[in-house]
Amino acid sequence: MKQYTLDIQTQGRSIVDISAEIDRLVDQSGVSNGLCHIFIHHTSASLIITENADSNVRRDLETYISRLVQDGDPAYLHDAEGPDDMAAHIRSILTQSEISIPVGNGVLAMGTWQGIYLWEHRTSPHRRHLTVTLQGNSTSY
């Protein structure tokens, strides 16, 4: 088993492609067949696997969730860090804080049009911490 940490700087509310960083860790690990688990250590950002070819998909996801979970809703009591505070927490529980992806032949076994993304739910920039765990058969001895 190999475990790595990643720090990703966001520019505020956005969907950040982290596929290349995860691919690099899979390659570095030497795991040929197994599982890649990614966990984000935050309650106001999340992880998603979605379409990687058309950026309109990610824009549409943001448009949809913005309508579903509105910043500054007067029903929210928690607003210690601003009007996007509680909305960011709700967004993160509607999505996910961890993802597991199979590894086969030394690469992530993902679909052609799939990418791995960190979804920043806060409007201001943040540094996000992730733990990536790879386990399985290794090509190194």
Protein backbone atom coordinates (compact mmCIF):
# COMPACT_ATOMS: atom_id res chain seq x y z
CA MET A 1 0.00 0.00 0.00
CA LYS A 2 1.19 3.52 -0.82
CA GLN A 3 -0.25 6.73 0.55
CA TYR A 4 0.28 10.26 -0.72
CA THR A 5 -0.95 13.73 0.09
CA LEU A 6 -1.91 16.38 -2.41
CA ASP A 7 -2.49 20.07 -1.79
CA ILE A 8 -4.60 21.76 -4.44
CA GLN A 9 -4.93 25.54 -4.58
CA THR A 10 -8.34 26.67 -5.82
CA GLN A 11 -9.26 30.07 -7.17
CA GLY A 12 -12.65 30.11 -5.47
CA ARG A 13 -15.85 28.43 -6.59
CA SER A 14 -14.86 26.20 -9.50
CA ILE A 15 -14.38 22.63 -10.65
CA VAL A 16 -10.64 21.81 -10.81
CA ASP A 17 -9.33 18.91 -12.90
CA ILE A 18 -7.03 16.78 -10.73
CA SER A 19 -6.86 13.79 -13.11
CA ALA A 20 -3.21 14.37 -14.10
CA GLU A 21 -2.06 14.58 -10.47
CA ILE A 22 -3.85 11.33 -9.60
CA ASP A 23 -2.49 9.61 -12.74
CA ARG A 24 1.03 10.69 -11.71
CA LEU A 25 0.59 9.15 -8.23
CA VAL A 26 -0.74 5.89 -9.69
CA ASP A 27 2.30 5.70 -11.95
CA GLN A 28 4.67 6.59 -9.09
CA SER A 29 3.12 3.96 -6.79
CA GLY A 30 3.96 1.00 -9.00
CA VAL A 31 0.52 -0.52 -8.33
CA SER A 32 -0.43 -2.56 -11.38
CA ASN A 33 -3.83 -3.92 -10.30
CA GLY A 34 -5.76 -2.67 -7.31
CA LEU A 35 -7.62 0.35 -6.05
CA CYS A 36 -7.04 4.10 -5.84
CA HIS A 37 -8.90 5.85 -3.03
CA ILE A 38 -9.02 9.67 -2.89
CA PHE A 39 -10.28 11.53 0.21
CA ILE A 40 -10.69 15.29 0.68
CA HIS A 41 -10.15 16.67 4.19
CA HIS A 42 -12.73 19.45 3.99
CA THR A 43 -16.46 20.05 4.51
CA SER A 44 -16.88 22.81 1.95
CA ALA A 45 -15.33 21.17 -1.13
CA SER A 46 -15.90 17.78 -2.71
CA LEU A 47 -14.73 15.25 -5.29
CA ILE A 48 -16.55 14.21 -8.45
CA ILE A 49 -16.01 12.08 -11.52
CA THR A 50 -17.63 13.67 -14.54
CA GLU A 51 -17.34 14.44 -18.25
CA ASN A 52 -13.82 15.54 -19.21
CA ALA A 53 -14.32 16.59 -22.85
CA ASP A 54 -16.95 19.34 -22.77
CA SER A 55 -16.44 22.07 -20.15
CA ASN A 56 -20.12 23.00 -20.53
CA VAL A 57 -20.95 19.93 -18.44
CA ARG A 58 -19.06 21.41 -15.49
CA ARG A 59 -20.66 24.83 -16.04
CA ASP A 60 -24.08 23.19 -16.11
CA LEU A 61 -23.33 21.31 -12.87
CA GLU A 62 -22.46 24.61 -11.19
CA THR A 63 -25.58 26.28 -12.59
CA TYR A 64 -27.78 23.45 -11.34
CA ILE A 65 -26.35 23.28 -7.83
CA SER A 66 -26.39 27.09 -7.54
CA ARG A 67 -30.14 26.99 -8.08
CA LEU A 68 -30.56 24.06 -5.72
CA VAL A 69 -28.39 25.47 -2.90
CA GLN A 70 -28.35 29.26 -2.80
CA ASP A 71 -25.76 31.35 -1.01
CA GLY A 72 -27.08 33.52 1.81
CA ASP A 73 -30.41 31.72 2.16
CA PRO A 74 -32.07 33.36 5.21
CA ALA A 75 -33.03 29.90 6.49
CA TYR A 76 -29.34 29.11 7.21
CA LEU A 77 -28.14 29.79 10.74
CA HIS A 78 -24.48 28.98 10.03
CA ASP A 79 -22.84 31.94 8.28
CA ALA A 80 -19.67 32.41 10.35
CA GLU A 81 -17.48 32.77 7.26
CA GLY A 82 -19.90 34.57 4.97
CA PRO A 83 -23.04 33.99 2.91
CA ASP A 84 -21.49 31.04 1.03
CA ASP A 85 -20.54 29.19 4.24
CA MET A 86 -23.57 26.95 4.85
CA ALA A 87 -24.29 26.59 1.14
CA ALA A 88 -20.77 25.16 0.69
CA HIS A 89 -21.38 22.58 3.44
CA ILE A 90 -24.69 21.51 1.88
CA ARG A 91 -23.10 21.24 -1.58
CA SER A 92 -20.34 18.99 -0.20
CA ILE A 93 -22.77 16.53 1.39
CA LEU A 94 -24.83 16.36 -1.81
CA THR A 95 -21.72 15.32 -3.71
CA GLN A 96 -18.93 13.26 -2.09
CA SER A 97 -15.81 13.49 0.03
CA GLU A 98 -14.18 10.33 -1.31
CA ILE A 99 -13.83 8.39 -4.54
CA SER A 100 -12.51 4.88 -5.23
CA ILE A 101 -11.32 3.95 -8.72
CA PRO A 102 -9.97 0.58 -9.88
CA VAL A 103 -6.41 0.38 -11.15
CA GLY A 104 -5.69 -2.04 -14.00
CA ASN A 105 -2.44 -2.55 -15.86
CA GLY A 106 -0.87 0.33 -13.94
CA VAL A 107 -3.47 2.97 -14.88
CA LEU A 108 -6.81 4.18 -13.56
CA ALA A 109 -9.60 2.06 -15.08
CA MET A 110 -11.79 5.00 -16.07
CA GLY A 111 -14.06 5.61 -19.02
CA THR A 112 -12.84 7.55 -22.04
CA TRP A 113 -14.80 10.68 -21.13
CA GLN A 114 -14.30 10.58 -17.34
CA GLY A 115 -12.13 12.95 -15.33
CA ILE A 116 -11.50 13.41 -11.60
CA TYR A 117 -12.32 16.85 -10.22
CA LEU A 118 -12.12 18.78 -6.97
CA TRP A 119 -15.25 20.91 -6.69
CA GLU A 120 -14.57 24.05 -4.67
CA HIS A 121 -17.81 25.26 -3.12
CA ARG A 122 -16.50 28.41 -1.41
CA THR A 123 -16.36 31.67 -3.36
CA SER A 124 -12.87 32.61 -2.15
CA PRO A 125 -9.62 30.73 -2.90
CA HIS A 126 -8.66 27.84 -0.62
CA ARG A 127 -5.84 25.33 -0.31
CA ARG A 128 -7.41 21.86 -0.22
CA HIS A 129 -5.75 18.79 1.27
CA LEU A 130 -6.31 15.30 -0.18
CA THR A 131 -5.08 11.84 0.81
CA VAL A 132 -4.59 9.36 -2.04
CA THR A 133 -4.21 5.70 -1.06
CA LEU A 134 -3.17 3.06 -3.60
CA GLN A 135 -3.28 -0.60 -2.79
CA GLY A 136 -2.94 -3.75 -4.81
CA ASN A 137 -0.36 -5.77 -6.69
CA SER A 138 2.85 -3.94 -7.39
CA THR A 139 5.03 -4.14 -10.45
CA SER A 140 8.13 -3.47 -8.33
CA TYR A 141 9.78 -6.07 -6.10
